[in-house]
Amino acid sequence: MEKTYNKYVSPFSTRYASDDMQYIFSDEKKFKTWRKLWIALAKAEKKEGLNITTEQIAELEKFSDNINYSVALEKERICKHDVMSHIHAYGVQCPLAKGIIHLGATSCYVGDNTEIIIMRDGLNLIKDKLINVISLLRNFALKYKDLPTLGYTHLQPAQLTTVGKRTTLWIHDLYIDYIQICDLIDGLKLLGSKGAVGSQASFNELFSGDIDKINNVELFIAKEMGFDDVFPVSGQTYTRKIDFMVMSVLSAISQSCSKFANDMRILQNFKEIEEPFEKNQVGSSAMPYKRNPMRTERITALSRYVIINSLNPAFTHSNQWFERTLDDSANKRISTAEGFLAVDSILNIMINVSDGLVVYPKVIEKRILEELPFIITENILMKAVKNGGDRQFLHEKIREHSVLSGRRIKEDGCENDLIDRISSDSNFGLTKEEILGILDPKLYIGLSDIQTQKFIEKYIDPLIDKNREIIGNKQNLNV
């Protein structure tokens, strides 16, 4: 795409979102879908007995993908109505069918049904990318399921976990999102052909009150467009609560990705795990040595946008008056499309990062050993008590040694000398070798490795097996 410098261009188009997602929300996709809906309507009406000929439908199908945009644009300039301008343009190409295009329908027949179709297609693309992220993190979790690492509460060292177990926390969030997006896709319905206020009055007139024929028209259109059913009731539009449900799922995915990204940014600061860093990548213009976590920072930034953007359909739905108001349209054009483009961008980065995480086990071990003496004081206490010591007395002694050792670390920058202090204290009756014997990090990971294996086998592997044909999506980022 040739870069334009003299007008605003969305960063989603030039930097972040995939071509596939951009096409789903393109004008071409929208207007071609309008024509497919007009063809489906004509076929349904012919099937139910209206005076529509095979030749008219053939003419509509001939020009379904060949849109005369210049005619439509000129007409819209005059009439200020996008649907009417495209009905006119289609009629110019299809003189035989001109009189039956859009028969009985209102603008929302093409507008709202297309919105549902586009959101379904967008959700399916996001679902495919989401399962690829889950698959990559699954492999990472299994590879490091038993590698001990510091676990944190309040961002303070607490107990040990493993790199793999921590990864399952990220995967579990994404797994919940995956289940939600599948349920949402499965539950989507078309608006159908409901008319100006949802009463189907125009179709009631066309079919002389034959309810079965009216219902058959709707179901035929639904099947033609890949849906099982239509919404049972509506005003002129489908309920805007659907948009909120869609954006809520996108927000949920963004929340999960942002949680992952923030954890990764901290781990990169700890020098334990890093996002991929390309050979010629520049970390800072002023500090050449830096390896900034710019990809996970971008995930955080874009996720924040989506989470806030999810308020748009909430306010829109709550402000729709009676059967419809048009204060939804301008907002939807921006918030829905850009919400999808943003989540597409986030998942592109998630795939790229998850496919190239770099782990530094020696740094992880070093940081564990700096904290482990404090973490295993209860184990030292129990060993000393077994040797005949008094628990209450020794508990106080360990507390005193821990405070003094912690003070030297923080105030004087010294190494952790807690083990030396305890082994030198005759009250404990333990040699340094005995204490070092229980200083193996793998003794303190609990069931982390087993939990990781069980979670992957029970919940994640079945999803991977079901989606095997789409696993392997790679993402080379533009920036």
Protein backbone atom coordinates (compact mmCIF):
# COMPACT_ATOMS: atom_id res chain seq x y z
CA MET A 1 0.00 0.00 0.00
CA GLU A 2 1.40 3.40 -1.02
CA LYS A 3 1.89 5.59 2.04
CA THR A 4 -0.20 8.75 2.24
CA TYR A 5 1.22 11.72 4.13
CA ASN A 6 -1.39 14.40 3.61
CA LYS A 7 -4.35 12.87 5.49
CA TYR A 8 -5.03 10.69 8.49
CA VAL A 9 -4.68 6.95 7.97
CA SER A 10 -5.58 4.51 10.74
CA PRO A 11 -2.53 2.81 12.30
CA PHE A 12 -4.52 -0.42 12.19
CA SER A 13 -4.30 -0.29 8.40
CA THR A 14 -0.59 0.53 8.13
CA ARG A 15 0.98 -0.98 11.24
CA TYR A 16 -1.08 -3.49 13.16
CA ALA A 17 -4.10 -5.32 11.74
CA SER A 18 -3.95 -8.19 9.25
CA ASP A 19 -5.13 -7.91 5.66
CA ASP A 20 -7.74 -10.59 6.39
CA MET A 21 -9.38 -8.59 9.17
CA GLN A 22 -9.15 -5.37 7.22
CA TYR A 23 -11.01 -7.02 4.34
CA ILE A 24 -13.78 -8.28 6.62
CA PHE A 25 -14.51 -4.67 7.62
CA SER A 26 -13.91 -3.20 4.17
CA ASP A 27 -16.53 -1.42 2.07
CA GLU A 28 -16.12 -4.08 -0.60
CA LYS A 29 -17.05 -6.88 1.80
CA LYS A 30 -20.00 -4.83 3.07
CA PHE A 31 -21.44 -3.92 -0.31
CA LYS A 32 -20.96 -7.40 -1.78
CA THR A 33 -22.80 -8.80 1.24
CA TRP A 34 -25.63 -6.33 0.62
CA ARG A 35 -26.01 -7.74 -2.88
CA LYS A 36 -25.94 -11.33 -1.60
CA LEU A 37 -28.74 -10.41 0.81
CA TRP A 38 -30.79 -8.81 -1.98
CA ILE A 39 -30.34 -11.97 -4.05
CA ALA A 40 -31.34 -14.18 -1.09
CA LEU A 41 -34.44 -12.02 -0.52
CA ALA A 42 -35.45 -12.25 -4.16
CA LYS A 43 -34.97 -16.01 -4.22
CA ALA A 44 -36.99 -16.43 -1.03
CA GLU A 45 -39.82 -14.24 -2.32
CA LYS A 46 -39.89 -16.10 -5.65
CA LYS A 47 -39.94 -19.45 -3.83
CA GLU A 48 -42.96 -18.30 -1.83
CA GLY A 49 -44.90 -17.28 -4.90
CA LEU A 50 -44.15 -13.61 -5.67
CA ASN A 51 -43.91 -12.57 -9.32
CA ILE A 52 -40.11 -12.73 -9.59
CA THR A 53 -38.53 -14.49 -12.57
CA THR A 54 -35.52 -16.76 -12.92
CA GLU A 55 -34.09 -14.25 -15.42
CA GLN A 56 -34.28 -11.43 -12.87
CA ILE A 57 -32.41 -13.48 -10.26
CA ALA A 58 -29.81 -14.55 -12.83
CA GLU A 59 -29.22 -10.88 -13.67
CA LEU A 60 -28.76 -10.03 -9.97
CA GLU A 61 -26.30 -12.90 -9.56
CA LYS A 62 -24.32 -11.83 -12.65
CA PHE A 63 -23.46 -8.50 -11.01
CA SER A 64 -23.23 -9.67 -7.38
CA ASP A 65 -19.47 -9.03 -7.20
CA ASN A 66 -19.16 -6.36 -9.89
CA ILE A 67 -20.17 -3.20 -8.06
CA ASN A 68 -20.43 0.07 -9.99
CA TYR A 69 -19.08 2.22 -7.17
CA SER A 70 -18.94 5.46 -9.15
CA VAL A 71 -22.69 5.33 -9.81
CA ALA A 72 -23.43 4.61 -6.15
CA LEU A 73 -21.17 7.41 -4.93
CA GLU A 74 -22.74 9.95 -7.26
CA LYS A 75 -26.24 8.92 -6.20
CA GLU A 76 -25.32 9.09 -2.49
CA ARG A 77 -23.95 12.60 -3.00
CA ILE A 78 -27.45 13.59 -4.13
CA CYS A 79 -29.76 11.51 -1.91
CA LYS A 80 -27.52 11.26 1.23
CA HIS A 81 -28.54 7.63 1.78
CA ASP A 82 -26.05 4.82 1.28
CA VAL A 83 -28.56 1.96 0.94
CA MET A 84 -30.75 3.81 -1.58
CA SER A 85 -27.68 4.79 -3.60
CA HIS A 86 -26.61 1.15 -3.89
CA ILE A 87 -30.12 -0.02 -4.75
CA HIS A 88 -30.05 2.54 -7.56
CA ALA A 89 -26.56 1.47 -8.73
CA TYR A 90 -27.57 -2.21 -8.72
CA GLY A 91 -30.68 -1.34 -10.72
CA VAL A 92 -28.59 0.45 -13.33
CA GLN A 93 -26.70 -2.79 -13.92
CA CYS A 94 -29.82 -4.98 -13.67
CA PRO A 95 -32.66 -3.30 -15.60
CA LEU A 96 -34.76 -6.48 -15.65
CA ALA A 97 -34.52 -6.89 -11.86
CA LYS A 98 -34.58 -3.21 -10.98
CA GLY A 99 -38.18 -3.27 -9.76
CA ILE A 100 -37.79 -6.20 -7.36
CA ILE A 101 -34.51 -5.28 -5.63
CA HIS A 102 -35.06 -4.76 -1.88
CA LEU A 103 -38.76 -5.65 -2.24
CA GLY A 104 -40.56 -5.22 1.10
CA ALA A 105 -37.35 -4.51 2.98
CA THR A 106 -36.03 -1.56 4.94
CA SER A 107 -32.44 -0.33 5.04
CA CYS A 108 -31.68 -2.42 8.12
CA TYR A 109 -32.41 -5.56 6.12
CA VAL A 110 -29.06 -5.16 4.40
CA GLY A 111 -27.37 -2.98 7.01
CA ASP A 112 -28.04 -5.01 10.15
CA ASN A 113 -27.87 -8.46 8.58
CA THR A 114 -24.52 -7.50 7.07
CA GLU A 115 -23.30 -6.28 10.46
CA ILE A 116 -24.10 -9.67 11.98
CA ILE A 117 -22.39 -11.51 9.11
CA ILE A 118 -19.29 -9.33 9.32
CA MET A 119 -19.04 -9.71 13.10
CA ARG A 120 -19.45 -13.48 12.76
CA ASP A 121 -16.64 -13.62 10.19
CA GLY A 122 -14.47 -11.38 12.39
CA LEU A 123 -15.13 -13.54 15.45
CA ASN A 124 -14.18 -16.66 13.51
CA LEU A 125 -10.87 -15.10 12.48
CA ILE A 126 -10.18 -14.07 16.06
CA LYS A 127 -11.14 -17.55 17.29
CA ASP A 128 -8.61 -19.09 14.90
CA LYS A 129 -5.84 -16.78 16.08
CA LEU A 130 -6.77 -17.31 19.71
CA ILE A 131 -6.37 -21.08 19.42
CA ASN A 132 -2.95 -20.51 17.85
CA VAL A 133 -1.86 -18.42 20.82
CA ILE A 134 -3.15 -21.10 23.18
CA SER A 135 -1.28 -23.78 21.22
CA LEU A 136 2.03 -21.90 21.38
CA LEU A 137 1.70 -21.20 25.09
CA ARG A 138 0.70 -24.84 25.65
CA ASN A 139 4.01 -25.97 24.14
CA PHE A 140 5.89 -23.46 26.26
CA ALA A 141 4.10 -24.58 29.43
CA LEU A 142 4.95 -28.23 28.88
CA LYS A 143 8.59 -27.46 28.07
CA TYR A 144 9.04 -25.59 31.35
CA LYS A 145 6.48 -27.37 33.51
CA ASP A 146 9.07 -28.34 36.15
CA LEU A 147 11.44 -25.35 35.96
CA PRO A 148 11.18 -23.70 39.41
CA THR A 149 10.67 -19.96 39.56
CA LEU A 150 9.70 -17.45 42.21
CA GLY A 151 5.99 -17.04 42.69
CA TYR A 152 4.69 -13.67 43.82
CA THR A 153 1.85 -12.21 45.80
CA HIS A 154 1.65 -8.40 45.91
CA LEU A 155 4.71 -8.56 43.58
CA GLN A 156 6.69 -9.76 46.60
CA PRO A 157 8.42 -13.18 46.57
CA ALA A 158 6.06 -15.68 48.20
CA GLN A 159 6.68 -19.35 47.38
CA LEU A 160 7.99 -21.26 44.40
CA THR A 161 5.97 -22.21 41.36
CA THR A 162 7.23 -23.23 37.92
CA VAL A 163 7.52 -21.34 34.65
CA GLY A 164 5.09 -23.82 33.10
CA LYS A 165 2.54 -23.53 35.89
CA ARG A 166 2.57 -19.74 35.63
CA THR A 167 2.01 -20.11 31.89
CA THR A 168 -1.12 -22.17 32.56
CA LEU A 169 -2.60 -19.13 34.32
CA TRP A 170 -2.27 -17.16 31.09
CA ILE A 171 -3.60 -20.09 29.05
CA HIS A 172 -6.57 -20.58 31.37
CA ASP A 173 -7.70 -16.99 30.86
CA LEU A 174 -7.47 -17.44 27.10
CA TYR A 175 -9.26 -20.79 27.35
CA ILE A 176 -12.20 -19.09 29.07
CA ASP A 177 -12.21 -16.45 26.31
CA TYR A 178 -12.17 -19.19 23.67
CA ILE A 179 -15.20 -20.93 25.19
CA GLN A 180 -17.04 -17.59 25.34
CA ILE A 181 -16.30 -16.68 21.74
CA CYS A 182 -17.43 -20.13 20.53
CA ASP A 183 -20.68 -19.81 22.47
CA LEU A 184 -21.21 -16.32 21.05
CA ILE A 185 -20.63 -17.44 17.46
CA ASP A 186 -22.93 -20.44 17.89
CA GLY A 187 -25.67 -18.21 19.30
CA LEU A 188 -25.59 -15.51 16.62
CA LYS A 189 -28.72 -15.11 14.51
CA LEU A 190 -29.65 -12.90 11.59
CA LEU A 191 -32.04 -9.99 12.00
CA GLY A 192 -34.03 -11.50 9.13
CA SER A 193 -36.63 -9.44 7.28
CA LYS A 194 -38.54 -7.58 9.99
CA GLY A 195 -39.55 -4.33 8.26
CA ALA A 196 -39.60 -0.72 9.40
CA VAL A 197 -40.50 -1.25 13.07
CA GLY A 198 -40.08 -5.01 13.33
CA SER A 199 -43.75 -5.84 12.69
CA GLN A 200 -43.17 -7.28 9.18
CA ALA A 201 -46.12 -5.19 7.95
CA SER A 202 -44.70 -4.85 4.43
CA PHE A 203 -44.24 -8.60 4.11
CA ASN A 204 -47.67 -9.16 5.56
CA GLU A 205 -48.96 -7.03 2.67
CA LEU A 206 -46.82 -8.79 0.04
CA PHE A 207 -47.93 -12.25 1.11
CA SER A 208 -51.55 -11.32 1.96
CA GLY A 209 -51.19 -12.27 5.58
CA ASP A 210 -49.76 -15.76 4.95
CA ILE A 211 -47.63 -16.15 8.08
CA ASP A 212 -46.02 -19.41 6.96
CA LYS A 213 -44.71 -17.77 3.78
CA ILE A 214 -43.37 -14.80 5.73
CA ASN A 215 -41.58 -17.13 8.14
CA ASN A 216 -40.25 -19.24 5.26
CA VAL A 217 -38.74 -16.14 3.65
CA GLU A 218 -36.78 -15.35 6.80
CA LEU A 219 -35.55 -18.90 7.30
CA PHE A 220 -34.53 -19.21 3.64
CA ILE A 221 -32.45 -16.03 3.90
CA ALA A 222 -30.85 -17.26 7.12
CA LYS A 223 -29.81 -20.55 5.52
CA GLU A 224 -28.49 -18.76 2.42
CA MET A 225 -26.25 -16.61 4.63
CA GLY A 226 -25.02 -19.51 6.79
CA PHE A 227 -27.26 -19.15 9.86
CA ASP A 228 -29.72 -21.52 11.47
CA ASP A 229 -32.26 -18.95 12.55
CA VAL A 230 -33.26 -15.28 12.87
CA PHE A 231 -33.98 -13.24 15.97
CA PRO A 232 -37.55 -13.98 17.07
CA VAL A 233 -38.42 -10.32 17.68
CA SER A 234 -36.84 -6.96 16.96
CA GLY A 235 -37.53 -3.33 16.28
CA GLN A 236 -36.17 -2.05 13.01
CA THR A 237 -32.72 -3.20 14.12
CA TYR A 238 -31.44 -6.25 15.95
CA THR A 239 -30.98 -5.40 19.62
CA ARG A 240 -27.77 -3.45 20.12
CA LYS A 241 -27.15 -5.64 23.15
CA ILE A 242 -25.60 -8.05 20.62
CA ASP A 243 -22.92 -5.46 19.85
CA PHE A 244 -22.22 -5.15 23.56
CA MET A 245 -21.92 -8.93 23.89
CA VAL A 246 -19.48 -9.04 20.98
CA MET A 247 -17.37 -6.16 22.27
CA SER A 248 -17.42 -7.68 25.76
CA VAL A 249 -15.81 -10.85 24.42
CA LEU A 250 -13.23 -8.73 22.57
CA SER A 251 -12.63 -6.85 25.81
CA ALA A 252 -12.22 -10.12 27.70
CA ILE A 253 -9.59 -11.33 25.23
CA SER A 254 -7.80 -8.00 25.55
CA GLN A 255 -7.83 -8.27 29.34
CA SER A 256 -6.23 -11.72 29.17
CA CYS A 257 -3.60 -10.57 26.69
CA SER A 258 -2.81 -7.48 28.73
CA LYS A 259 -2.36 -9.60 31.86
CA PHE A 260 0.11 -11.78 29.94
CA ALA A 261 1.89 -8.75 28.52
CA ASN A 262 2.25 -7.02 31.87
CA ASP A 263 3.65 -10.17 33.47
CA MET A 264 6.10 -10.53 30.58
CA ARG A 265 7.24 -6.93 30.91
CA ILE A 266 8.04 -7.52 34.57
CA LEU A 267 9.82 -10.81 33.80
CA GLN A 268 11.89 -9.04 31.15
CA ASN A 269 12.87 -6.48 33.78
CA PHE A 270 13.90 -9.40 36.01
CA LYS A 271 15.94 -10.74 33.04
CA GLU A 272 14.21 -14.11 33.46
CA ILE A 273 12.15 -14.31 30.26
CA GLU A 274 12.25 -12.02 27.22
CA GLU A 275 10.05 -11.43 24.23
CA PRO A 276 11.75 -12.02 20.84
CA PHE A 277 14.33 -9.43 19.86
CA GLU A 278 15.31 -9.32 16.21
CA LYS A 279 18.91 -9.09 15.00
CA ASN A 280 18.67 -5.52 13.74
CA GLN A 281 16.03 -4.27 16.19
CA VAL A 282 16.84 -1.00 18.00
CA GLY A 283 15.81 -0.82 21.66
CA SER A 284 16.44 2.87 22.24
CA SER A 285 17.65 5.84 20.21
CA ALA A 286 19.74 7.10 23.13
CA MET A 287 20.72 3.84 24.88
CA PRO A 288 21.98 1.26 22.35
CA TYR A 289 22.27 -1.50 24.96
CA LYS A 290 18.55 -1.56 25.78
CA ARG A 291 16.16 -4.39 24.89
CA ASN A 292 12.80 -2.80 25.51
CA PRO A 293 9.70 -5.07 25.65
CA MET A 294 8.07 -3.06 22.87
CA ARG A 295 5.79 -5.84 21.62
CA THR A 296 4.25 -6.64 24.97
CA GLU A 297 4.00 -2.91 25.64
CA ARG A 298 2.02 -2.62 22.41
CA ILE A 299 -0.28 -5.43 23.56
CA THR A 300 -0.91 -3.47 26.76
CA ALA A 301 -1.59 -0.26 24.84
CA LEU A 302 -3.99 -1.80 22.33
CA SER A 303 -5.75 -3.83 25.02
CA ARG A 304 -6.44 -0.67 26.97
CA TYR A 305 -8.10 0.77 23.86
CA VAL A 306 -10.38 -2.25 23.42
CA ILE A 307 -11.35 -2.44 27.08
CA ILE A 308 -12.41 1.20 27.06
CA ASN A 309 -14.03 0.83 23.63
CA SER A 310 -16.36 -1.85 25.03
CA LEU A 311 -18.28 0.98 26.70
CA ASN A 312 -19.41 2.29 23.30
CA PRO A 313 -22.03 -0.39 22.59
CA ALA A 314 -23.13 -0.31 26.24
CA PHE A 315 -24.06 3.35 25.97
CA THR A 316 -25.44 2.86 22.46
CA HIS A 317 -27.78 0.06 23.49
CA SER A 318 -28.99 1.88 26.58
CA ASN A 319 -29.86 4.94 24.48
CA GLN A 320 -31.83 3.27 21.68
CA TRP A 321 -35.37 4.67 21.82
CA PHE A 322 -38.30 2.33 21.17
CA GLU A 323 -37.94 0.57 17.81
CA ARG A 324 -34.74 2.41 16.78
CA THR A 325 -32.80 5.66 16.69
CA LEU A 326 -29.92 6.49 14.40
CA ASP A 327 -27.47 7.60 17.07
CA ASP A 328 -26.00 4.08 16.87
CA SER A 329 -24.81 4.23 13.27
CA ALA A 330 -21.86 6.64 13.33
CA ASN A 331 -20.62 5.15 16.60
CA LYS A 332 -20.89 1.56 15.32
CA ARG A 333 -18.99 2.33 12.12
CA ILE A 334 -15.98 3.27 14.24
CA SER A 335 -16.17 1.31 17.48
CA THR A 336 -17.10 -2.11 16.09
CA ALA A 337 -14.61 -2.13 13.24
CA GLU A 338 -11.74 -0.73 15.26
CA GLY A 339 -12.49 -3.05 18.17
CA PHE A 340 -12.06 -6.04 15.87
CA LEU A 341 -8.99 -4.56 14.17
CA ALA A 342 -7.41 -3.90 17.56
CA VAL A 343 -7.97 -7.43 18.88
CA ASP A 344 -6.71 -8.83 15.58
CA SER A 345 -3.58 -6.71 16.07
CA ILE A 346 -3.20 -7.88 19.67
CA LEU A 347 -3.42 -11.54 18.69
CA ASN A 348 -0.95 -11.04 15.85
CA ILE A 349 1.55 -9.80 18.43
CA MET A 350 0.60 -12.54 20.90
CA ILE A 351 1.36 -15.20 18.26
CA ASN A 352 4.67 -13.55 17.41
CA VAL A 353 5.75 -13.21 21.04
CA SER A 354 4.53 -16.65 22.18
CA ASP A 355 6.40 -18.26 19.30
CA GLY A 356 9.76 -16.84 20.38
CA LEU A 357 9.92 -16.45 24.17
CA VAL A 358 13.46 -16.65 25.51
CA VAL A 359 14.02 -18.16 28.98
CA TYR A 360 17.16 -17.66 31.09
CA PRO A 361 17.19 -20.56 33.61
CA LYS A 362 20.44 -19.45 35.29
CA VAL A 363 19.02 -16.02 36.09
CA ILE A 364 15.83 -17.62 37.37
CA GLU A 365 17.85 -19.96 39.60
CA LYS A 366 20.03 -17.12 40.89
CA ARG A 367 16.97 -15.09 41.86
CA ILE A 368 15.41 -18.13 43.55
CA LEU A 369 18.52 -18.77 45.64
CA GLU A 370 18.53 -15.16 46.79
CA GLU A 371 15.06 -15.65 48.29
CA LEU A 372 14.85 -19.39 49.00
CA PRO A 373 16.55 -19.25 52.42
CA PHE A 374 13.69 -17.06 53.63
CA ILE A 375 11.07 -19.23 51.93
CA ILE A 376 12.25 -22.50 53.51
CA THR A 377 12.65 -21.24 57.08
CA GLU A 378 9.63 -23.34 58.11
CA ASN A 379 11.38 -26.44 56.73
CA ILE A 380 14.58 -25.55 58.59
CA LEU A 381 12.55 -25.06 61.75
CA MET A 382 10.90 -28.49 61.41
CA LYS A 383 14.26 -30.19 60.83
CA ALA A 384 15.71 -28.52 63.94
CA VAL A 385 12.66 -29.51 66.03
CA LYS A 386 13.07 -33.13 64.90
CA ASN A 387 16.61 -32.93 66.23
CA GLY A 388 15.20 -32.01 69.67
CA GLY A 389 14.86 -28.20 69.47
CA ASP A 390 12.08 -26.11 71.03
CA ARG A 391 9.76 -24.83 68.31
CA GLN A 392 8.71 -21.56 69.91
CA PHE A 393 12.24 -20.64 70.89
CA LEU A 394 13.68 -21.54 67.47
CA HIS A 395 10.86 -19.71 65.68
CA GLU A 396 11.90 -16.50 67.43
CA LYS A 397 15.57 -17.13 66.63
CA ILE A 398 14.78 -17.63 62.92
CA ARG A 399 12.75 -14.45 62.94
CA GLU A 400 15.68 -12.52 64.44
CA HIS A 401 18.17 -13.97 61.93
CA SER A 402 15.80 -13.27 59.04
CA VAL A 403 15.35 -9.62 60.07
CA LEU A 404 19.11 -9.08 60.41
CA SER A 405 19.89 -10.83 57.11
CA GLY A 406 17.16 -8.88 55.30
CA ARG A 407 18.47 -5.63 56.73
CA ARG A 408 22.02 -6.35 55.48
CA ILE A 409 20.65 -7.15 52.00
CA LYS A 410 18.61 -3.95 51.78
CA GLU A 411 20.83 -1.49 53.64
CA ASP A 412 24.33 -2.72 52.83
CA GLY A 413 23.76 -4.54 49.54
CA CYS A 414 25.13 -7.78 50.95
CA GLU A 415 24.39 -11.32 49.82
CA ASN A 416 21.80 -13.37 51.68
CA ASP A 417 23.66 -14.87 54.69
CA LEU A 418 20.67 -16.43 56.45
CA ILE A 419 21.93 -20.01 55.96
CA ASP A 420 25.33 -19.07 57.44
CA ARG A 421 23.65 -17.39 60.40
CA ILE A 422 21.43 -20.37 61.20
CA SER A 423 24.15 -22.99 60.73
CA SER A 424 26.42 -20.97 63.02
CA ASP A 425 23.76 -20.81 65.73
CA SER A 426 24.24 -23.83 68.02
CA ASN A 427 20.61 -23.61 69.14
CA PHE A 428 19.55 -25.22 65.85
CA GLY A 429 22.03 -28.08 65.90
CA LEU A 430 22.24 -28.09 62.08
CA THR A 431 25.32 -28.00 59.89
CA LYS A 432 25.49 -25.88 56.79
CA GLU A 433 25.62 -29.05 54.68
CA GLU A 434 22.39 -30.30 56.28
CA ILE A 435 20.64 -27.02 55.51
CA LEU A 436 21.99 -26.90 51.94
CA GLY A 437 20.62 -30.40 51.50
CA ILE A 438 17.09 -29.00 51.67
CA LEU A 439 17.87 -25.98 49.47
CA ASP A 440 16.92 -27.72 46.21
CA PRO A 441 14.24 -25.50 44.53
CA LYS A 442 12.44 -28.53 43.05
CA LEU A 443 11.51 -29.63 46.57
CA TYR A 444 9.26 -26.57 46.93
CA ILE A 445 7.23 -26.39 43.71
CA GLY A 446 4.35 -28.36 45.21
CA LEU A 447 2.17 -29.88 42.47
CA SER A 448 3.02 -27.24 39.89
CA ASP A 449 4.39 -29.68 37.32
CA ILE A 450 1.54 -32.17 37.82
CA GLN A 451 -1.10 -29.42 37.68
CA THR A 452 0.41 -28.15 34.42
CA GLN A 453 0.35 -31.59 32.80
CA LYS A 454 -3.20 -32.39 33.95
CA PHE A 455 -4.59 -29.01 32.85
CA ILE A 456 -3.04 -29.29 29.40
CA GLU A 457 -4.19 -32.88 28.88
CA LYS A 458 -7.76 -32.38 30.13
CA TYR A 459 -8.65 -28.95 28.78
CA ILE A 460 -6.20 -27.73 26.14
CA ASP A 461 -5.20 -30.79 24.11
CA PRO A 462 -8.84 -31.57 23.14
CA LEU A 463 -9.15 -28.01 21.76
CA ILE A 464 -5.88 -28.36 19.87
CA ASP A 465 -6.94 -31.70 18.39
CA LYS A 466 -10.29 -30.24 17.27
CA ASN A 467 -8.55 -27.32 15.54
CA ARG A 468 -5.49 -29.10 14.19
CA GLU A 469 -6.02 -27.84 10.62
CA ILE A 470 -5.63 -24.17 11.61
CA ILE A 471 -2.71 -24.57 14.04
CA GLY A 472 0.57 -23.09 12.83
CA ASN A 473 -0.39 -19.47 12.15
CA LYS A 474 2.81 -17.38 12.05
CA GLN A 475 2.91 -13.60 12.33
CA ASN A 476 5.67 -11.37 11.01
CA LEU A 477 4.93 -7.92 12.40
CA ASN A 478 5.22 -4.77 10.28
CA VAL A 479 6.83 -2.90 13.17
